Amino acid sequence: MLIDWKNIALQIYDKIKAKVSMMDKKPTLWAILVWNNSSSLRYINQKRKWAKYTWINFELLELSEDITEKKLLKKIESFNKDKNISWYIVQLPLPKHIDEKNIINAILPEKDIDWFHPENQGKLLIWDKSWFIPCTPAWIMEIIKSEDIDLVWKVVCVIGRSNIVWKPVTNLLINAWATVISCNSKTMDLTSYTNKADIVVVAAWKPNLLKENMLKKWWIVIDVWFTVVDEIIYWDADTVNIDKAWHKVTPVPGWVWALTVAMLMKNTLKSSKEQQ
């Protein structure tokens, strides 16, 4: 069975829209776009589209792809100092000549709506529920919540090794009392670990890593991302050949962008309400 994350996303957007409609001052989300590659443009267009739908103002600063890291850091510094900009994002990925870690670290933690700054990531580690959740891990947890799953009794296998997805979602699952098995694309005999789990979250950026023979019946498979090889998109889970009669899986390609952006708008609304 395919998980209807389109419906999940729309419910979130409609709730945000209803709350924004009652605010005297509408929230504003700022974004910095450096690299106009297809992935970045797709995300920016989704953010613009759903900001408009939820009546959240969206402001975009577009910079040349060949901008130096030093000049980009100066732009970020100006955003940090601008009292009219309460929160913003720097669209990832960035061109190869720019160190993403340096850029993320330069964003003021209190203006980091993506929640990527190391200080903000650390709050997840110490179980601080007072602020935000990074957008992709947030929608992973939202899908689990939509399926009425009590994580106290569940084993979750997380396959990945990234700061943006793997680390925060692992912390969130641990905080929710799940039993978490942490793996990656180089884990030997990966099947021996995946067969122990009730839920698999795969964000390894390796084509068709998770296959039908690695799953036991009645699993939930949450596939986070894809890899492009020779202009063909391959997702981490071999979704085409996974038996939908026995498993619940996220549709790929599907609404990964809409759900990620829904969580971003949710963070923007929360920030605005806190500020007001």
Protein backbone atom coordinates (compact mmCIF):
# COMPACT_ATOMS: atom_id res chain seq x y z
CA MET A 1 0.00 0.00 0.00
CA LEU A 2 1.28 3.46 -0.86
CA ILE A 3 1.26 5.96 1.99
CA ASP A 4 -0.88 8.94 1.00
CA TRP A 5 1.59 11.66 1.93
CA LYS A 6 -0.14 14.04 -0.49
CA ASN A 7 -3.14 14.05 1.83
CA ILE A 8 -0.87 14.38 4.89
CA ALA A 9 0.83 17.43 3.36
CA LEU A 10 -2.44 19.10 2.35
CA GLN A 11 -3.84 18.74 5.86
CA ILE A 12 -0.74 20.43 7.27
CA TYR A 13 -0.92 23.26 4.72
CA ASP A 14 -4.60 23.88 5.42
CA LYS A 15 -3.98 24.07 9.18
CA ILE A 16 -1.16 26.55 8.62
CA LYS A 17 -3.32 28.64 6.29
CA ALA A 18 -6.13 28.80 8.85
CA LYS A 19 -3.73 30.01 11.56
CA VAL A 20 -1.99 32.54 9.32
CA SER A 21 -5.37 33.97 8.28
CA MET A 22 -5.98 35.04 11.89
CA MET A 23 -2.63 36.84 12.25
CA ASP A 24 -2.39 40.63 11.96
CA LYS A 25 1.16 40.40 10.64
CA LYS A 26 1.80 37.60 8.14
CA PRO A 27 5.05 35.60 8.53
CA THR A 28 7.82 36.16 5.98
CA LEU A 29 10.27 33.49 4.87
CA TRP A 30 13.52 34.64 3.27
CA ALA A 31 15.63 32.39 1.03
CA ILE A 32 19.07 32.75 -0.53
CA LEU A 33 19.58 30.89 -3.81
CA VAL A 34 23.13 30.58 -5.15
CA TRP A 35 23.08 27.65 -7.55
CA ASN A 36 20.33 27.37 -10.15
CA ASN A 37 20.58 23.61 -10.63
CA SER A 38 17.40 21.61 -11.23
CA SER A 39 17.16 20.30 -7.65
CA SER A 40 17.54 23.75 -6.09
CA LEU A 41 15.07 25.36 -8.48
CA ARG A 42 12.54 22.61 -7.81
CA TYR A 43 12.72 23.20 -4.09
CA ILE A 44 12.57 26.99 -4.41
CA ASN A 45 9.53 26.78 -6.67
CA GLN A 46 7.81 24.47 -4.18
CA LYS A 47 8.56 26.88 -1.35
CA ARG A 48 7.23 29.84 -3.32
CA LYS A 49 4.10 27.89 -4.32
CA TRP A 50 3.19 26.67 -0.84
CA ALA A 51 4.09 29.94 0.86
CA LYS A 52 1.56 31.62 -1.41
CA TYR A 53 -1.01 28.90 -0.65
CA THR A 54 -0.62 29.37 3.10
CA TRP A 55 -0.47 33.18 2.84
CA ILE A 56 3.12 33.31 4.08
CA ASN A 57 5.24 36.00 2.43
CA PHE A 58 8.21 34.65 0.47
CA GLU A 59 11.28 36.73 -0.38
CA LEU A 60 14.08 35.34 -2.54
CA LEU A 61 17.62 36.68 -2.96
CA GLU A 62 19.24 35.15 -6.07
CA LEU A 63 23.03 35.26 -6.29
CA SER A 64 25.38 34.35 -9.12
CA GLU A 65 26.66 30.76 -9.18
CA ASP A 66 30.26 32.00 -9.32
CA ILE A 67 29.97 34.12 -6.16
CA THR A 68 32.91 33.54 -3.84
CA GLU A 69 32.46 31.95 -0.44
CA LYS A 70 33.75 35.16 1.16
CA LYS A 71 31.09 37.28 -0.56
CA LEU A 72 28.36 34.80 0.32
CA LEU A 73 29.44 34.92 3.96
CA LYS A 74 29.15 38.71 3.83
CA LYS A 75 25.58 38.39 2.52
CA ILE A 76 24.77 36.03 5.38
CA GLU A 77 26.29 38.47 7.84
CA SER A 78 24.01 41.20 6.47
CA PHE A 79 20.99 38.91 6.88
CA ASN A 80 22.05 38.16 10.45
CA LYS A 81 22.22 41.87 11.26
CA ASP A 82 19.02 42.88 9.43
CA LYS A 83 16.29 43.30 12.06
CA ASN A 84 13.62 43.02 9.35
CA ILE A 85 14.71 39.44 8.58
CA SER A 86 13.69 37.17 11.42
CA TRP A 87 14.57 33.84 9.81
CA TYR A 88 15.90 32.58 6.50
CA ILE A 89 17.31 29.61 4.62
CA VAL A 90 20.27 29.14 2.32
CA GLN A 91 19.14 26.71 -0.38
CA LEU A 92 21.28 23.58 -0.59
CA PRO A 93 23.22 22.20 -2.39
CA LEU A 94 25.78 24.92 -2.99
CA PRO A 95 28.38 25.09 -5.79
CA LYS A 96 31.42 22.89 -5.16
CA HIS A 97 33.76 25.83 -4.53
CA ILE A 98 31.70 26.81 -1.45
CA ASP A 99 31.97 24.86 1.81
CA GLU A 100 28.38 24.17 2.95
CA LYS A 101 29.51 23.63 6.54
CA ASN A 102 31.01 27.13 6.72
CA ILE A 103 27.80 28.63 5.35
CA ILE A 104 25.52 26.74 7.74
CA ASN A 105 27.72 27.63 10.70
CA ALA A 106 27.58 31.33 9.74
CA ILE A 107 23.79 31.53 10.02
CA LEU A 108 22.61 32.86 13.37
CA PRO A 109 21.04 29.90 15.24
CA GLU A 110 17.95 31.97 16.09
CA LYS A 111 17.45 32.80 12.37
CA ASP A 112 18.08 29.24 11.17
CA ILE A 113 14.60 28.09 10.15
CA ASP A 114 15.97 24.90 8.55
CA TRP A 115 17.50 23.97 11.96
CA PHE A 116 20.83 22.90 10.41
CA HIS A 117 23.17 24.94 12.64
CA PRO A 118 25.26 22.72 14.98
CA GLU A 119 23.85 24.52 18.03
CA ASN A 120 20.30 23.74 16.90
CA GLN A 121 21.15 20.15 15.99
CA GLY A 122 22.52 19.76 19.51
CA LYS A 123 19.13 20.66 20.97
CA LEU A 124 17.67 17.52 19.38
CA LEU A 125 20.39 15.47 21.05
CA ILE A 126 19.46 16.74 24.53
CA TRP A 127 15.73 16.26 23.91
CA ASP A 128 14.89 19.97 23.75
CA LYS A 129 11.29 20.11 22.43
CA SER A 130 10.92 23.87 22.78
CA TRP A 131 11.88 24.79 19.22
CA PHE A 132 12.03 23.26 15.76
CA ILE A 133 12.73 19.99 14.01
CA PRO A 134 14.71 19.88 10.71
CA CYS A 135 12.22 19.63 7.87
CA THR A 136 12.98 16.20 6.38
CA PRO A 137 13.21 14.40 9.75
CA ALA A 138 10.02 16.22 10.75
CA TRP A 139 7.99 14.78 7.87
CA ILE A 140 9.39 11.31 8.51
CA MET A 141 8.01 11.54 12.04
CA GLU A 142 4.77 13.00 10.66
CA ILE A 143 4.27 9.95 8.41
CA ILE A 144 4.83 7.61 11.35
CA LYS A 145 2.34 9.64 13.39
CA SER A 146 -0.22 9.52 10.56
CA GLU A 147 -0.07 5.71 10.64
CA ASP A 148 -0.97 5.70 14.37
CA ILE A 149 2.25 3.88 15.25
CA ASP A 150 3.37 3.65 18.87
CA LEU A 151 7.16 3.75 18.55
CA VAL A 152 7.64 2.42 22.08
CA TRP A 153 7.04 -1.07 20.70
CA LYS A 154 8.80 -0.68 17.37
CA VAL A 155 12.26 -1.36 15.96
CA VAL A 156 13.35 1.19 13.36
CA CYS A 157 16.30 0.70 11.03
CA VAL A 158 17.75 3.99 9.74
CA ILE A 159 20.07 3.64 6.76
CA GLY A 160 22.21 6.70 6.08
CA ARG A 161 25.04 8.85 7.36
CA SER A 162 24.09 12.50 6.78
CA ASN A 163 23.85 15.43 9.17
CA ILE A 164 20.63 16.66 7.57
CA VAL A 165 18.59 13.43 7.78
CA TRP A 166 20.28 10.49 9.47
CA LYS A 167 21.54 12.10 12.70
CA PRO A 168 18.45 14.18 13.56
CA VAL A 169 15.90 11.48 12.67
CA THR A 170 17.87 8.94 14.71
CA ASN A 171 17.74 11.29 17.71
CA LEU A 172 14.02 11.93 17.22
CA LEU A 173 13.28 8.20 17.09
CA ILE A 174 15.36 7.57 20.22
CA ASN A 175 13.53 10.41 21.98
CA ALA A 176 10.22 8.74 21.00
CA TRP A 177 11.35 5.50 22.72
CA ALA A 178 11.87 3.52 19.52
CA THR A 179 14.58 0.86 19.37
CA VAL A 180 16.87 2.20 16.66
CA ILE A 181 19.29 0.24 14.48
CA SER A 182 21.73 2.58 12.72
CA CYS A 183 23.18 1.36 9.41
CA ASN A 184 24.71 2.80 6.26
CA SER A 185 25.40 1.78 2.66
CA LYS A 186 28.63 0.05 3.72
CA THR A 187 27.10 -1.99 6.54
CA MET A 188 28.05 -5.63 6.02
CA ASP A 189 25.11 -8.04 5.71
CA LEU A 190 22.60 -5.18 5.78
CA THR A 191 19.70 -7.63 5.43
CA SER A 192 20.44 -9.16 8.84
CA TYR A 193 19.67 -5.76 10.38
CA THR A 194 16.76 -4.70 8.20
CA ASN A 195 15.00 -8.01 8.89
CA LYS A 196 14.82 -7.11 12.57
CA ALA A 197 12.95 -3.85 11.98
CA ASP A 198 9.30 -2.85 11.74
CA ILE A 199 10.09 0.44 9.99
CA VAL A 200 12.94 1.24 7.60
CA VAL A 201 14.02 4.81 6.88
CA VAL A 202 16.46 4.84 3.97
CA ALA A 203 18.47 7.95 3.11
CA ALA A 204 21.71 6.49 1.82
CA TRP A 205 21.86 8.03 -1.66
CA LYS A 206 22.54 4.61 -3.17
CA PRO A 207 20.28 3.35 -6.02
CA ASN A 208 17.95 0.45 -5.15
CA LEU A 209 19.82 -0.34 -1.95
CA LEU A 210 16.72 -1.66 -0.17
CA LYS A 211 15.10 -4.62 -1.96
CA GLU A 212 12.05 -6.81 -1.43
CA ASN A 213 14.07 -9.78 -0.13
CA MET A 214 15.39 -7.59 2.69
CA LEU A 215 11.92 -6.96 4.10
CA LYS A 216 9.68 -8.98 6.36
CA LYS A 217 5.91 -8.70 5.97
CA TRP A 218 3.94 -5.68 7.19
CA TRP A 219 6.87 -3.31 7.07
CA ILE A 220 6.76 0.45 6.58
CA VAL A 221 9.39 1.77 4.15
CA ILE A 222 10.14 5.51 4.15
CA ASP A 223 12.39 6.43 1.23
CA VAL A 224 13.92 9.87 1.54
CA TRP A 225 16.01 10.61 -1.53
CA PHE A 226 17.26 9.59 -4.94
CA THR A 227 20.35 9.41 -7.14
CA VAL A 228 20.51 10.39 -10.82
CA VAL A 229 22.53 8.00 -13.01
CA ASP A 230 22.74 8.66 -16.77
CA GLU A 231 19.75 11.02 -16.45
CA ILE A 232 17.65 8.29 -14.82
CA ILE A 233 16.34 8.72 -11.27
CA TYR A 234 16.91 5.80 -8.89
CA TRP A 235 15.52 5.87 -5.36
CA ASP A 236 17.21 4.19 -2.40
CA ALA A 237 14.41 1.64 -2.14
CA ASP A 238 13.60 -0.58 -5.11
CA THR A 239 10.02 0.59 -4.85
CA VAL A 240 8.92 -0.82 -8.20
CA ASN A 241 9.65 -4.38 -7.07
CA ILE A 242 8.60 -4.07 -3.43
CA ASP A 243 5.31 -5.90 -2.89
CA LYS A 244 2.74 -3.23 -1.95
CA ALA A 245 0.34 -5.95 -0.75
CA TRP A 246 2.64 -6.71 2.18
CA HIS A 247 4.26 -3.34 2.87
CA LYS A 248 3.38 0.32 3.30
CA VAL A 249 5.78 2.48 1.31
CA THR A 250 6.18 6.14 0.48
CA PRO A 251 5.44 6.80 -3.19
CA VAL A 252 8.52 7.58 -5.26
CA PRO A 253 8.66 9.77 -7.13
CA GLY A 254 6.07 11.59 -5.08
CA TRP A 255 5.49 14.29 -2.54
CA VAL A 256 8.83 14.39 -0.78
CA TRP A 257 9.20 18.08 -1.68
CA ALA A 258 5.70 19.03 -0.60
CA LEU A 259 6.09 17.38 2.80
CA THR A 260 9.53 18.88 3.38
CA VAL A 261 8.22 22.33 2.48
CA ALA A 262 5.15 21.78 4.69
CA MET A 263 7.46 21.32 7.66
CA LEU A 264 9.39 24.47 6.67
CA MET A 265 6.15 26.49 6.60
CA LYS A 266 5.21 24.98 9.96
CA ASN A 267 8.54 26.15 11.40
CA THR A 268 8.02 29.60 9.85
CA LEU A 269 4.57 29.91 11.44
CA LYS A 270 5.86 28.80 14.83
CA SER A 271 8.73 31.31 14.66
CA SER A 272 6.36 34.13 13.77
CA LYS A 273 3.97 33.31 16.59
CA GLU A 274 6.85 33.16 19.07
CA GLN A 275 8.15 36.50 17.85
CA GLN A 276 4.77 38.20 18.01
